[in-house]
C-alpha cells in the first residue's frame, strides 16, 4: 500500500490543495518534498500523520503542545493542536470544518481513500465528538463502516493498523527532516526495544492492563465506596459458597433416599409375588402376618415417598442446575452492582 494523493481543505495555511504523488518503482521508491522554510512542509507532514492516525498520531508531531501518551493529556493536546490548525480565513467565510483526504493504492492498483474531517465551534474550538473518518475502497468507492455494537474509535484504530500501519510503529516510518537528527542521536538499543515491543503488541497489553484496572475501579465505585462495599461483596460471595455446600449435601441425601426407595420397592414386589402364589394350604396366621408386613412396608414406602417429595420440591431445581450454572450464578452475583 502506497500513498498516491493528498487533498487538504482549510488545514493551516492550505485553503484547498491537491497533491499527486508518483507510483513508486523498484529504482525510484522514495519521494522527497522540499521547500523553503515557512512554505508548509511540516504542515503537510502533520496532515498526513493526523489524517491516518488521528489522535494516536499526535506524539509523532514535534511541535504539538503538551505532547504525552497519557489519555487525558493527549486528548487535551489534540484538541488544542486542532483548534490552532483551522485555516485563519475559514471562520470568517463561514466554514467550520477542515479535512484531510489521503488516497492509497495497493500492489494491484485498487484504491483506498481515507478522509478525516474535524469540526469546530463558531469561536474555533475543536469539537472532538463530531470527528469523522470516511473510508472508501475499490474503484466503485464502496464505503467501509463500523459494525454495529462496536466502538467507532477502536474500529478506526484497528482498520488503520490492519490496512496501513499500527501507530506504535509509525515513529520508525513517519518523521520530518527536523526529526532525523533527533532519531540519529537516540540510543539504538532503546529504539530497537521500542520497535520489538510494538511488533509484539506489548504496548497494547499495557493499555489493556490499564483499562482493566480502570474498569475494576469503576465497578467498585458503582457498589459504593470504602470498606462497607468490600465487606458486602465478601458476604455475598460467602453466602453463595454456603448455598453450594448445602446443595451438595441435599444432592447426596436425595441419592441416598432414592436408593432406599428402590430397595424397598423391590422388596414390596417380592412380597406381593409371594402372596399371589400362596395356595389353599397356607395357614390364616401366615397370611395375616404377611398382610401386616405388607402394610408396614406400604407405610414405610409412603413415608419415604413423602420425604422424596419434600426433597424434590426443595432441592431438585438447584440439583438439576449443575455446577457450571451455579458457578455462573456466583459470577453474576459478584459482577452485579449493589444498591445501598
C-alpha atoms as a PDB file:
ATOM      1  CA  UNK A   1       0.000   0.000   0.000  1.00  0.00           C
ATOM      2  CA  UNK A   2       1.469   3.369  -1.047  1.00  0.00           C
ATOM      3  CA  UNK A   3       0.276   6.980  -0.909  1.00  0.00           C
ATOM      4  CA  UNK A   4      -0.705   8.458  -4.294  1.00  0.00           C
ATOM      5  CA  UNK A   5      -2.536  11.662  -3.420  1.00  0.00           C
ATOM      6  CA  UNK A   6      -3.257  14.230  -0.697  1.00  0.00           C
ATOM      7  CA  UNK A   7      -6.130  16.704  -0.517  1.00  0.00           C
ATOM      8  CA  UNK A   8      -6.207  19.458   2.114  1.00  0.00           C
ATOM      9  CA  UNK A   9      -9.128  21.751   2.914  1.00  0.00           C
ATOM     10  CA  UNK A  10      -8.756  24.620   5.393  1.00  0.00           C
ATOM     11  CA  UNK A  11      -5.780  22.901   7.008  1.00  0.00           C
ATOM     12  CA  UNK A  12      -3.426  25.545   8.414  1.00  0.00           C
ATOM     13  CA  UNK A  13      -2.109  27.644   5.500  1.00  0.00           C
ATOM     14  CA  UNK A  14      -3.775  25.410   2.886  1.00  0.00           C
ATOM     15  CA  UNK A  15      -7.243  26.696   1.980  1.00  0.00           C
ATOM     16  CA  UNK A  16      -7.595  23.954  -0.600  1.00  0.00           C
ATOM     17  CA  UNK A  17      -4.780  21.971  -2.147  1.00  0.00           C
ATOM     18  CA  UNK A  18      -4.383  18.706  -4.063  1.00  0.00           C
ATOM     19  CA  UNK A  19      -1.048  16.921  -4.369  1.00  0.00           C
ATOM     20  CA  UNK A  20      -0.489  13.880  -6.596  1.00  0.00           C
ATOM     21  CA  UNK A  21       2.418  11.576  -5.831  1.00  0.00           C
ATOM     22  CA  UNK A  22       4.063   9.245  -8.370  1.00  0.00           C
ATOM     23  CA  UNK A  23       3.721   5.492  -8.132  1.00  0.00           C
ATOM     24  CA  UNK A  24       6.936   4.005  -6.684  1.00  0.00           C
ATOM     25  CA  UNK A  25       9.122   1.674  -8.731  1.00  0.00           C
ATOM     26  CA  UNK A  26      11.999  -0.612  -7.790  1.00  0.00           C
ATOM     27  CA  UNK A  27      14.513   2.004  -8.883  1.00  0.00           C
ATOM     28  CA  UNK A  28      12.638   5.056  -7.549  1.00  0.00           C
ATOM     29  CA  UNK A  29      10.669   4.352  -4.402  1.00  0.00           C
ATOM     30  CA  UNK A  30      11.444   7.473  -2.335  1.00  0.00           C
ATOM     31  CA  UNK A  31       9.563  10.764  -2.605  1.00  0.00           C
ATOM     32  CA  UNK A  32      11.233  13.914  -1.290  1.00  0.00           C
ATOM     33  CA  UNK A  33       9.235  17.100  -0.693  1.00  0.00           C
ATOM     34  CA  UNK A  34      11.330  20.229  -0.387  1.00  0.00           C
ATOM     35  CA  UNK A  35      10.649  23.939   0.006  1.00  0.00           C
ATOM     36  CA  UNK A  36      11.948  26.985   1.823  1.00  0.00           C
ATOM     37  CA  UNK A  37      11.166  27.497   5.499  1.00  0.00           C
ATOM     38  CA  UNK A  38       7.606  28.605   6.147  1.00  0.00           C
ATOM     39  CA  UNK A  39       6.141  27.107   2.962  1.00  0.00           C
ATOM     40  CA  UNK A  40       4.164  24.358   4.691  1.00  0.00           C
ATOM     41  CA  UNK A  41       6.372  21.245   4.616  1.00  0.00           C
ATOM     42  CA  UNK A  42       5.814  20.463   8.289  1.00  0.00           C
ATOM     43  CA  UNK A  43       2.088  21.266   7.996  1.00  0.00           C
ATOM     44  CA  UNK A  44       1.856  18.747   5.156  1.00  0.00           C
ATOM     45  CA  UNK A  45       3.649  16.116   7.233  1.00  0.00           C
ATOM     46  CA  UNK A  46       1.317  16.778  10.167  1.00  0.00           C
ATOM     47  CA  UNK A  47      -1.686  16.466   7.859  1.00  0.00           C
ATOM     48  CA  UNK A  48      -0.563  13.022   6.706  1.00  0.00           C
ATOM     49  CA  UNK A  49       0.116  11.797  10.248  1.00  0.00           C
ATOM     50  CA  UNK A  50      -3.158  13.019  11.746  1.00  0.00           C
ATOM     51  CA  UNK A  51      -5.113  12.073   8.638  1.00  0.00           C
ATOM     52  CA  UNK A  52      -4.017   8.466   9.070  1.00  0.00           C
ATOM     53  CA  UNK A  53      -3.856   8.054  12.842  1.00  0.00           C
ATOM     54  CA  UNK A  54      -5.967  10.859  14.291  1.00  0.00           C
ATOM     55  CA  UNK A  55      -5.288  11.408  17.988  1.00  0.00           C
ATOM     56  CA  UNK A  56      -2.911   8.405  18.116  1.00  0.00           C
ATOM     57  CA  UNK A  57      -0.535  10.226  15.747  1.00  0.00           C
ATOM     58  CA  UNK A  58      -0.085  13.320  17.896  1.00  0.00           C
ATOM     59  CA  UNK A  59       3.067  12.037  19.714  1.00  0.00           C
ATOM     60  CA  UNK A  60       4.773  11.944  16.280  1.00  0.00           C
ATOM     61  CA  UNK A  61       4.356  15.699  15.874  1.00  0.00           C
ATOM     62  CA  UNK A  62       7.254  17.589  17.428  1.00  0.00           C
ATOM     63  CA  UNK A  63       5.533  20.942  17.778  1.00  0.00           C
ATOM     64  CA  UNK A  64       2.317  19.629  19.303  1.00  0.00           C
ATOM     65  CA  UNK A  65       1.872  21.327  22.721  1.00  0.00           C
ATOM     66  CA  UNK A  66       1.988  19.209  25.848  1.00  0.00           C
ATOM     67  CA  UNK A  67       2.548  16.032  23.822  1.00  0.00           C
ATOM     68  CA  UNK A  68       2.075  12.982  26.019  1.00  0.00           C
ATOM     69  CA  UNK A  69       0.881   9.380  25.797  1.00  0.00           C
ATOM     70  CA  UNK A  70      -1.469   9.677  28.777  1.00  0.00           C
ATOM     71  CA  UNK A  71      -5.124   9.715  27.710  1.00  0.00           C
ATOM     72  CA  UNK A  72      -6.120  12.973  29.411  1.00  0.00           C
ATOM     73  CA  UNK A  73      -3.097  14.998  28.317  1.00  0.00           C
ATOM     74  CA  UNK A  74      -3.198  13.506  24.822  1.00  0.00           C
ATOM     75  CA  UNK A  75      -6.863  14.481  24.427  1.00  0.00           C
ATOM     76  CA  UNK A  76      -6.118  17.986  25.713  1.00  0.00           C
ATOM     77  CA  UNK A  77      -3.146  18.387  23.373  1.00  0.00           C
ATOM     78  CA  UNK A  78      -5.084  17.001  20.414  1.00  0.00           C
ATOM     79  CA  UNK A  79      -7.941  19.466  20.879  1.00  0.00           C
ATOM     80  CA  UNK A  80      -5.562  22.398  21.313  1.00  0.00           C
ATOM     81  CA  UNK A  81      -3.489  21.441  18.287  1.00  0.00           C
ATOM     82  CA  UNK A  82      -6.525  21.081  16.037  1.00  0.00           C
ATOM     83  CA  UNK A  83      -8.040  24.331  17.271  1.00  0.00           C
ATOM     84  CA  UNK A  84      -4.886  26.075  16.062  1.00  0.00           C
ATOM     85  CA  UNK A  85      -4.859  24.161  12.759  1.00  0.00           C
ATOM     86  CA  UNK A  86      -8.062  25.545  11.215  1.00  0.00           C
ATOM     87  CA  UNK A  87      -7.262  27.974   8.413  1.00  0.00           C
ATOM     88  CA  UNK A  88      -7.452  31.559   9.624  1.00  0.00           C
ATOM     89  CA  UNK A  89      -9.944  32.602   6.913  1.00  0.00           C
ATOM     90  CA  UNK A  90     -12.304  29.652   7.369  1.00  0.00           C
ATOM     91  CA  UNK A  91     -14.405  31.029  10.226  1.00  0.00           C
ATOM     92  CA  UNK A  92     -14.548  34.478   8.625  1.00  0.00           C
ATOM     93  CA  UNK A  93     -16.017  32.890   5.490  1.00  0.00           C
ATOM     94  CA  UNK A  94     -18.429  30.707   7.496  1.00  0.00           C
ATOM     95  CA  UNK A  95     -16.574  27.396   7.209  1.00  0.00           C
ATOM     96  CA  UNK A  96     -16.400  25.421  10.471  1.00  0.00           C
ATOM     97  CA  UNK A  97     -14.553  22.298   9.395  1.00  0.00           C
ATOM     98  CA  UNK A  98     -11.281  21.193   7.896  1.00  0.00           C
ATOM     99  CA  UNK A  99     -10.436  17.892   6.269  1.00  0.00           C
ATOM    100  CA  UNK A 100      -7.565  15.785   5.006  1.00  0.00           C
ATOM    101  CA  UNK A 101      -8.050  13.275   2.218  1.00  0.00           C
ATOM    102  CA  UNK A 102      -5.456  10.567   1.576  1.00  0.00           C
ATOM    103  CA  UNK A 103      -5.525   8.291  -1.459  1.00  0.00           C
ATOM    104  CA  UNK A 104      -3.659   4.978  -1.333  1.00  0.00           C
ATOM    105  CA  UNK A 105      -3.207   2.148  -3.806  1.00  0.00           C
ATOM    106  CA  UNK A 106      -2.236  -1.457  -3.176  1.00  0.00           C
ATOM    107  CA  UNK A 107       0.079  -3.519  -5.395  1.00  0.00           C
ATOM    108  CA  UNK A 108      -2.868  -4.494  -7.637  1.00  0.00           C
ATOM    109  CA  UNK A 109      -3.854  -0.869  -8.140  1.00  0.00           C
ATOM    110  CA  UNK A 110      -7.014  -0.985  -6.024  1.00  0.00           C
ATOM    111  CA  UNK A 111      -7.574   2.423  -4.383  1.00  0.00           C
ATOM    112  CA  UNK A 112      -8.280   3.129  -0.733  1.00  0.00           C
ATOM    113  CA  UNK A 113      -9.384   6.653   0.200  1.00  0.00           C
ATOM    114  CA  UNK A 114      -9.394   7.968   3.768  1.00  0.00           C
ATOM    115  CA  UNK A 115     -10.982  11.324   4.536  1.00  0.00           C
ATOM    116  CA  UNK A 116     -10.752  12.619   8.090  1.00  0.00           C
ATOM    117  CA  UNK A 117     -12.968  15.581   8.943  1.00  0.00           C
ATOM    118  CA  UNK A 118     -12.722  17.802  12.022  1.00  0.00           C
ATOM    119  CA  UNK A 119     -15.492  20.171  13.107  1.00  0.00           C
ATOM    120  CA  UNK A 120     -15.210  23.404  15.068  1.00  0.00           C
ATOM    121  CA  UNK A 121     -17.447  25.734  17.050  1.00  0.00           C
ATOM    122  CA  UNK A 122     -18.143  29.319  15.991  1.00  0.00           C
ATOM    123  CA  UNK A 123     -15.203  30.515  18.110  1.00  0.00           C
ATOM    124  CA  UNK A 124     -12.815  27.991  16.526  1.00  0.00           C
ATOM    125  CA  UNK A 125     -12.736  25.332  19.264  1.00  0.00           C
ATOM    126  CA  UNK A 126     -12.353  21.742  18.122  1.00  0.00           C
ATOM    127  CA  UNK A 127     -15.438  19.547  18.687  1.00  0.00           C
ATOM    128  CA  UNK A 128     -13.960  16.069  19.343  1.00  0.00           C
ATOM    129  CA  UNK A 129     -17.301  14.264  19.444  1.00  0.00           C
ATOM    130  CA  UNK A 130     -18.022  15.191  15.807  1.00  0.00           C
ATOM    131  CA  UNK A 131     -14.787  13.907  14.267  1.00  0.00           C
ATOM    132  CA  UNK A 132     -15.340  11.642  11.234  1.00  0.00           C
ATOM    133  CA  UNK A 133     -13.227   9.147   9.325  1.00  0.00           C
ATOM    134  CA  UNK A 134     -14.742   8.177   5.999  1.00  0.00           C
ATOM    135  CA  UNK A 135     -13.149   5.238   4.197  1.00  0.00           C
ATOM    136  CA  UNK A 136     -13.835   4.245   0.586  1.00  0.00           C
ATOM    137  CA  UNK A 137     -12.422   1.093  -1.001  1.00  0.00           C
ATOM    138  CA  UNK A 138     -12.119  -0.005  -4.598  1.00  0.00           C
ATOM    139  CA  UNK A 139     -12.811   1.730  -7.904  1.00  0.00           C
ATOM    140  CA  UNK A 140     -16.535   1.752  -7.120  1.00  0.00           C
ATOM    141  CA  UNK A 141     -15.870   3.697  -3.905  1.00  0.00           C
ATOM    142  CA  UNK A 142     -17.513   1.197  -1.550  1.00  0.00           C
ATOM    143  CA  UNK A 143     -17.772   2.845   1.866  1.00  0.00           C
ATOM    144  CA  UNK A 144     -16.390   0.987   4.867  1.00  0.00           C
ATOM    145  CA  UNK A 145     -18.260   1.406   8.140  1.00  0.00           C
ATOM    146  CA  UNK A 146     -18.032   0.483  11.803  1.00  0.00           C
ATOM    147  CA  UNK A 147     -20.049  -2.698  12.567  1.00  0.00           C
ATOM    148  CA  UNK A 148     -22.968  -2.363  14.990  1.00  0.00           C
ATOM    149  CA  UNK A 149     -22.213  -2.573  18.715  1.00  0.00           C
ATOM    150  CA  UNK A 150     -18.533  -1.686  18.226  1.00  0.00           C
ATOM    151  CA  UNK A 151     -16.653   1.414  19.346  1.00  0.00           C
ATOM    152  CA  UNK A 152     -16.099   3.814  16.441  1.00  0.00           C
ATOM    153  CA  UNK A 153     -12.699   4.919  17.763  1.00  0.00           C
ATOM    154  CA  UNK A 154     -11.491   1.333  18.303  1.00  0.00           C
ATOM    155  CA  UNK A 155     -12.720   0.305  14.855  1.00  0.00           C
ATOM    156  CA  UNK A 156     -10.841   3.204  13.223  1.00  0.00           C
ATOM    157  CA  UNK A 157      -7.610   2.318  15.007  1.00  0.00           C
ATOM    158  CA  UNK A 158      -7.928  -1.389  14.147  1.00  0.00           C
ATOM    159  CA  UNK A 159      -8.660  -0.619  10.475  1.00  0.00           C
ATOM    160  CA  UNK A 160      -5.606   1.635  10.115  1.00  0.00           C
ATOM    161  CA  UNK A 161      -3.370  -0.905  11.882  1.00  0.00           C
ATOM    162  CA  UNK A 162      -4.618  -3.711   9.636  1.00  0.00           C
ATOM    163  CA  UNK A 163      -4.570  -1.885   6.302  1.00  0.00           C
ATOM    164  CA  UNK A 164      -1.670   0.557   6.740  1.00  0.00           C
ATOM    165  CA  UNK A 165       0.478   0.612   9.890  1.00  0.00           C
ATOM    166  CA  UNK A 166      -0.022   0.195  13.667  1.00  0.00           C
ATOM    167  CA  UNK A 167       0.509   3.591  15.267  1.00  0.00           C
ATOM    168  CA  UNK A 168       3.154   2.323  17.789  1.00  0.00           C
ATOM    169  CA  UNK A 169       5.421   1.542  14.788  1.00  0.00           C
ATOM    170  CA  UNK A 170       4.717   4.777  12.939  1.00  0.00           C
ATOM    171  CA  UNK A 171       7.632   6.607  14.590  1.00  0.00           C
ATOM    172  CA  UNK A 172      10.042   4.379  12.608  1.00  0.00           C
ATOM    173  CA  UNK A 173       8.463   5.277   9.255  1.00  0.00           C
ATOM    174  CA  UNK A 174       6.941   8.765   9.606  1.00  0.00           C
ATOM    175  CA  UNK A 175       9.136  11.703  10.575  1.00  0.00           C
ATOM    176  CA  UNK A 176      10.060  15.039   9.004  1.00  0.00           C
ATOM    177  CA  UNK A 177      13.538  16.280   8.254  1.00  0.00           C
ATOM    178  CA  UNK A 178      13.885  18.113  11.558  1.00  0.00           C
ATOM    179  CA  UNK A 179      13.493  14.849  13.473  1.00  0.00           C
ATOM    180  CA  UNK A 180      16.107  12.855  11.549  1.00  0.00           C
ATOM    181  CA  UNK A 181      18.924  14.265  13.656  1.00  0.00           C
ATOM    182  CA  UNK A 182      16.972  13.591  16.854  1.00  0.00           C
ATOM    183  CA  UNK A 183      16.452   9.970  15.846  1.00  0.00           C
ATOM    184  CA  UNK A 184      20.111   9.590  14.915  1.00  0.00           C
ATOM    185  CA  UNK A 185      21.220  10.751  18.366  1.00  0.00           C
ATOM    186  CA  UNK A 186      18.971   8.356  20.275  1.00  0.00           C
ATOM    187  CA  UNK A 187      20.233   5.157  21.820  1.00  0.00           C
ATOM    188  CA  UNK A 188      19.871   2.482  19.145  1.00  0.00           C
ATOM    189  CA  UNK A 189      19.112  -0.264  21.677  1.00  0.00           C
ATOM    190  CA  UNK A 190      16.208   1.779  23.051  1.00  0.00           C
ATOM    191  CA  UNK A 191      14.812   2.253  19.542  1.00  0.00           C
ATOM    192  CA  UNK A 192      15.105  -1.458  18.789  1.00  0.00           C
ATOM    193  CA  UNK A 193      13.396  -2.307  22.079  1.00  0.00           C
ATOM    194  CA  UNK A 194      10.549   0.070  21.260  1.00  0.00           C
ATOM    195  CA  UNK A 195      10.160  -1.462  17.815  1.00  0.00           C
ATOM    196  CA  UNK A 196      10.091  -5.038  19.113  1.00  0.00           C
ATOM    197  CA  UNK A 197       7.571  -4.122  21.793  1.00  0.00           C
ATOM    198  CA  UNK A 198       5.371  -2.593  19.115  1.00  0.00           C
ATOM    199  CA  UNK A 199       5.602  -5.682  16.890  1.00  0.00           C
ATOM    200  CA  UNK A 200       4.756  -7.983  19.795  1.00  0.00           C
ATOM    201  CA  UNK A 201       1.867  -5.781  20.911  1.00  0.00           C
ATOM    202  CA  UNK A 202       3.327  -5.229  24.376  1.00  0.00           C
ATOM    203  CA  UNK A 203       2.132  -1.622  24.370  1.00  0.00           C
ATOM    204  CA  UNK A 204      -1.384  -2.903  23.654  1.00  0.00           C
ATOM    205  CA  UNK A 205      -1.130  -5.265  26.621  1.00  0.00           C
ATOM    206  CA  UNK A 206      -0.043  -2.362  28.819  1.00  0.00           C
ATOM    207  CA  UNK A 207      -3.060  -0.378  27.679  1.00  0.00           C
ATOM    208  CA  UNK A 208      -5.254  -3.408  28.381  1.00  0.00           C
ATOM    209  CA  UNK A 209      -3.906  -3.700  31.935  1.00  0.00           C
ATOM    210  CA  UNK A 210      -4.606  -0.011  32.497  1.00  0.00           C
ATOM    211  CA  UNK A 211      -8.109  -0.311  31.069  1.00  0.00           C
ATOM    212  CA  UNK A 212      -8.877  -3.353  33.219  1.00  0.00           C
ATOM    213  CA  UNK A 213      -7.738  -1.513  36.336  1.00  0.00           C
ATOM    214  CA  UNK A 214      -9.963   1.418  35.425  1.00  0.00           C
ATOM    215  CA  UNK A 215     -12.858  -0.940  34.789  1.00  0.00           C
ATOM    216  CA  UNK A 216     -12.337  -2.599  38.166  1.00  0.00           C
ATOM    217  CA  UNK A 217     -12.257   0.773  39.894  1.00  0.00           C
ATOM    218  CA  UNK A 218     -15.412   1.876  38.109  1.00  0.00           C
ATOM    219  CA  UNK A 219     -17.250  -1.313  39.022  1.00  0.00           C
ATOM    220  CA  UNK A 220     -16.212  -0.981  42.640  1.00  0.00           C
ATOM    221  CA  UNK A 221     -17.333   2.654  42.702  1.00  0.00           C
ATOM    222  CA  UNK A 222     -20.772   1.590  41.463  1.00  0.00           C
ATOM    223  CA  UNK A 223     -21.354  -0.590  44.509  1.00  0.00           C
ATOM    224  CA  UNK A 224     -20.254   2.067  46.975  1.00  0.00           C
ATOM    225  CA  UNK A 225     -17.065   3.387  48.460  1.00  0.00           C
ATOM    226  CA  UNK A 226     -14.861   2.265  51.336  1.00  0.00           C
ATOM    227  CA  UNK A 227     -14.749  -0.906  53.347  1.00  0.00           C
ATOM    228  CA  UNK A 228     -18.510  -1.353  53.571  1.00  0.00           C
ATOM    229  CA  UNK A 229     -18.763  -2.234  49.875  1.00  0.00           C
ATOM    230  CA  UNK A 230     -15.908  -4.734  50.125  1.00  0.00           C
ATOM    231  CA  UNK A 231     -17.489  -6.371  53.174  1.00  0.00           C
ATOM    232  CA  UNK A 232     -20.832  -6.593  51.424  1.00  0.00           C
ATOM    233  CA  UNK A 233     -19.132  -8.097  48.414  1.00  0.00           C
ATOM    234  CA  UNK A 234     -17.361 -10.712  50.551  1.00  0.00           C
ATOM    235  CA  UNK A 235     -20.598 -11.502  52.388  1.00  0.00           C
ATOM    236  CA  UNK A 236     -22.405 -12.283  49.142  1.00  0.00           C
ATOM    237  CA  UNK A 237     -19.537 -14.465  47.983  1.00  0.00           C
ATOM    238  CA  UNK A 238     -19.541 -16.380  51.290  1.00  0.00           C
ATOM    239  CA  UNK A 239     -23.324 -16.809  51.136  1.00  0.00           C
ATOM    240  CA  UNK A 240     -23.006 -18.336  47.695  1.00  0.00           C
ATOM    241  CA  UNK A 241     -20.361 -20.776  48.968  1.00  0.00           C
ATOM    242  CA  UNK A 242     -22.628 -21.797  51.866  1.00  0.00           C
ATOM    243  CA  UNK A 243     -25.537 -22.365  49.487  1.00  0.00           C
ATOM    244  CA  UNK A 244     -23.344 -24.512  47.256  1.00  0.00           C
ATOM    245  CA  UNK A 245     -22.340 -26.676  50.247  1.00  0.00           C
ATOM    246  CA  UNK A 246     -25.969 -27.076  51.314  1.00  0.00           C
ATOM    247  CA  UNK A 247     -26.882 -28.048  47.791  1.00  0.00           C
ATOM    248  CA  UNK A 248     -24.172 -30.728  47.707  1.00  0.00           C
ATOM    249  CA  UNK A 249     -25.485 -32.184  51.000  1.00  0.00           C
ATOM    250  CA  UNK A 250     -29.039 -32.165  49.661  1.00  0.00           C
ATOM    251  CA  UNK A 251     -27.940 -33.935  46.481  1.00  0.00           C
ATOM    252  CA  UNK A 252     -26.235 -36.698  48.484  1.00  0.00           C
ATOM    253  CA  UNK A 253     -29.323 -37.077  50.701  1.00  0.00           C
ATOM    254  CA  UNK A 254     -31.528 -37.272  47.640  1.00  0.00           C
ATOM    255  CA  UNK A 255     -29.364 -40.009  46.145  1.00  0.00           C
ATOM    256  CA  UNK A 256     -29.484 -41.981  49.404  1.00  0.00           C
ATOM    257  CA  UNK A 257     -33.269 -41.653  49.652  1.00  0.00           C
ATOM    258  CA  UNK A 258     -33.703 -42.739  46.062  1.00  0.00           C
ATOM    259  CA  UNK A 259     -31.548 -45.832  46.640  1.00  0.00           C
ATOM    260  CA  UNK A 260     -33.559 -46.832  49.751  1.00  0.00           C
ATOM    261  CA  UNK A 261     -36.830 -46.292  47.930  1.00  0.00           C
ATOM    262  CA  UNK A 262     -35.713 -48.526  45.074  1.00  0.00           C
ATOM    263  CA  UNK A 263     -34.638 -51.275  47.509  1.00  0.00           C
ATOM    264  CA  UNK A 264     -37.979 -51.206  49.324  1.00  0.00           C
ATOM    265  CA  UNK A 265     -39.844 -51.197  46.047  1.00  0.00           C
ATOM    266  CA  UNK A 266     -38.079 -54.411  45.036  1.00  0.00           C
ATOM    267  CA  UNK A 267     -38.902 -55.989  48.385  1.00  0.00           C
ATOM    268  CA  UNK A 268     -42.543 -54.952  48.056  1.00  0.00           C
ATOM    269  CA  UNK A 269     -42.752 -56.574  44.632  1.00  0.00           C
ATOM    270  CA  UNK A 270     -41.259 -59.823  46.001  1.00  0.00           C
ATOM    271  CA  UNK A 271     -43.744 -59.978  48.873  1.00  0.00           C
ATOM    272  CA  UNK A 272     -46.624 -59.248  46.545  1.00  0.00           C
ATOM    273  CA  UNK A 273     -45.455 -62.038  44.286  1.00  0.00           C
ATOM    274  CA  UNK A 274     -45.258 -64.461  47.199  1.00  0.00           C
ATOM    275  CA  UNK A 275     -48.790 -63.572  48.378  1.00  0.00           C
ATOM    276  CA  UNK A 276     -50.215 -64.045  44.952  1.00  0.00           C
ATOM    277  CA  UNK A 277     -48.664 -67.538  44.754  1.00  0.00           C
ATOM    278  CA  UNK A 278     -49.912 -68.831  48.103  1.00  0.00           C
ATOM    279  CA  UNK A 279     -52.172 -71.900  47.874  1.00  0.00           C
ATOM    280  CA  UNK A 280     -55.072 -73.161  49.940  1.00  0.00           C
ATOM    281  CA  UNK A 281     -52.761 -74.940  52.355  1.00  0.00           C
ATOM    282  CA  UNK A 282     -51.336 -71.672  53.742  1.00  0.00           C
ATOM    283  CA  UNK A 283     -52.410 -71.008  57.297  1.00  0.00           C
ATOM    284  CA  UNK A 284     -54.537 -67.994  58.156  1.00  0.00           C
ATOM    285  CA  UNK A 285     -51.876 -66.892  60.638  1.00  0.00           C
ATOM    286  CA  UNK A 286     -49.148 -66.828  57.992  1.00  0.00           C
ATOM    287  CA  UNK A 287     -51.329 -64.859  55.597  1.00  0.00           C
ATOM    288  CA  UNK A 288     -52.258 -62.434  58.370  1.00  0.00           C
ATOM    289  CA  UNK A 289     -48.585 -61.901  59.165  1.00  0.00           C
ATOM    290  CA  UNK A 290     -47.814 -61.350  55.527  1.00  0.00           C
ATOM    291  CA  UNK A 291     -50.542 -58.757  55.162  1.00  0.00           C
ATOM    292  CA  UNK A 292     -49.396 -56.942  58.274  1.00  0.00           C
ATOM    293  CA  UNK A 293     -45.844 -56.914  56.976  1.00  0.00           C
ATOM    294  CA  UNK A 294     -47.128 -55.689  53.640  1.00  0.00           C
ATOM    295  CA  UNK A 295     -48.997 -52.860  55.330  1.00  0.00           C
ATOM    296  CA  UNK A 296     -45.876 -51.881  57.272  1.00  0.00           C
ATOM    297  CA  UNK A 297     -43.909 -51.823  54.066  1.00  0.00           C
ATOM    298  CA  UNK A 298     -46.556 -49.682  52.390  1.00  0.00           C
ATOM    299  CA  UNK A 299     -46.499 -47.211  55.269  1.00  0.00           C
ATOM    300  CA  UNK A 300     -42.702 -47.112  55.059  1.00  0.00           C
ATOM    301  CA  UNK A 301     -42.911 -46.517  51.323  1.00  0.00           C
ATOM    302  CA  UNK A 302     -45.440 -43.737  51.852  1.00  0.00           C
ATOM    303  CA  UNK A 303     -43.153 -42.065  54.372  1.00  0.00           C
ATOM    304  CA  UNK A 304     -40.194 -42.384  52.021  1.00  0.00           C
ATOM    305  CA  UNK A 305     -42.294 -41.052  49.183  1.00  0.00           C
ATOM    306  CA  UNK A 306     -43.276 -38.038  51.268  1.00  0.00           C
ATOM    307  CA  UNK A 307     -39.603 -37.432  52.137  1.00  0.00           C
ATOM    308  CA  UNK A 308     -38.690 -37.735  48.469  1.00  0.00           C
ATOM    309  CA  UNK A 309     -41.391 -35.243  47.500  1.00  0.00           C
ATOM    310  CA  UNK A 310     -40.062 -32.767  50.056  1.00  0.00           C
ATOM    311  CA  UNK A 311     -36.541 -33.222  48.717  1.00  0.00           C
ATOM    312  CA  UNK A 312     -37.737 -32.759  45.161  1.00  0.00           C
ATOM    313  CA  UNK A 313     -39.690 -29.607  45.963  1.00  0.00           C
ATOM    314  CA  UNK A 314     -36.822 -28.080  47.969  1.00  0.00           C
ATOM    315  CA  UNK A 315     -33.619 -29.106  46.221  1.00  0.00           C
ATOM    316  CA  UNK A 316     -34.358 -30.520  42.766  1.00  0.00           C
ATOM    317  CA  UNK A 317     -34.102 -27.225  40.901  1.00  0.00           C
ATOM    318  CA  UNK A 318     -30.677 -26.497  42.378  1.00  0.00           C
ATOM    319  CA  UNK A 319     -29.530 -30.071  41.828  1.00  0.00           C
ATOM    320  CA  UNK A 320     -30.561 -30.003  38.176  1.00  0.00           C
ATOM    321  CA  UNK A 321     -28.839 -26.665  37.645  1.00  0.00           C
ATOM    322  CA  UNK A 322     -25.413 -28.291  37.786  1.00  0.00           C
ATOM    323  CA  UNK A 323     -22.092 -26.948  38.934  1.00  0.00           C
ATOM    324  CA  UNK A 324     -21.492 -24.865  35.785  1.00  0.00           C
ATOM    325  CA  UNK A 325     -24.710 -22.877  36.163  1.00  0.00           C
ATOM    326  CA  UNK A 326     -24.132 -22.413  39.891  1.00  0.00           C
ATOM    327  CA  UNK A 327     -20.647 -21.062  39.205  1.00  0.00           C
ATOM    328  CA  UNK A 328     -22.119 -18.743  36.565  1.00  0.00           C
ATOM    329  CA  UNK A 329     -24.645 -17.573  39.171  1.00  0.00           C
ATOM    330  CA  UNK A 330     -21.801 -16.808  41.580  1.00  0.00           C
ATOM    331  CA  UNK A 331     -20.011 -14.808  38.886  1.00  0.00           C
ATOM    332  CA  UNK A 332     -23.183 -12.884  38.001  1.00  0.00           C
ATOM    333  CA  UNK A 333     -23.832 -12.073  41.655  1.00  0.00           C
ATOM    334  CA  UNK A 334     -20.230 -10.978  42.069  1.00  0.00           C
ATOM    335  CA  UNK A 335     -20.319  -8.746  38.982  1.00  0.00           C
ATOM    336  CA  UNK A 336     -23.782  -7.254  39.569  1.00  0.00           C
ATOM    337  CA  UNK A 337     -23.879  -3.712  41.034  1.00  0.00           C
ATOM    338  CA  UNK A 338     -25.135  -3.461  44.596  1.00  0.00           C
ATOM    339  CA  UNK A 339     -27.527  -0.855  45.858  1.00  0.00           C
ATOM    340  CA  UNK A 340     -27.393   0.578  49.351  1.00  0.00           C
END
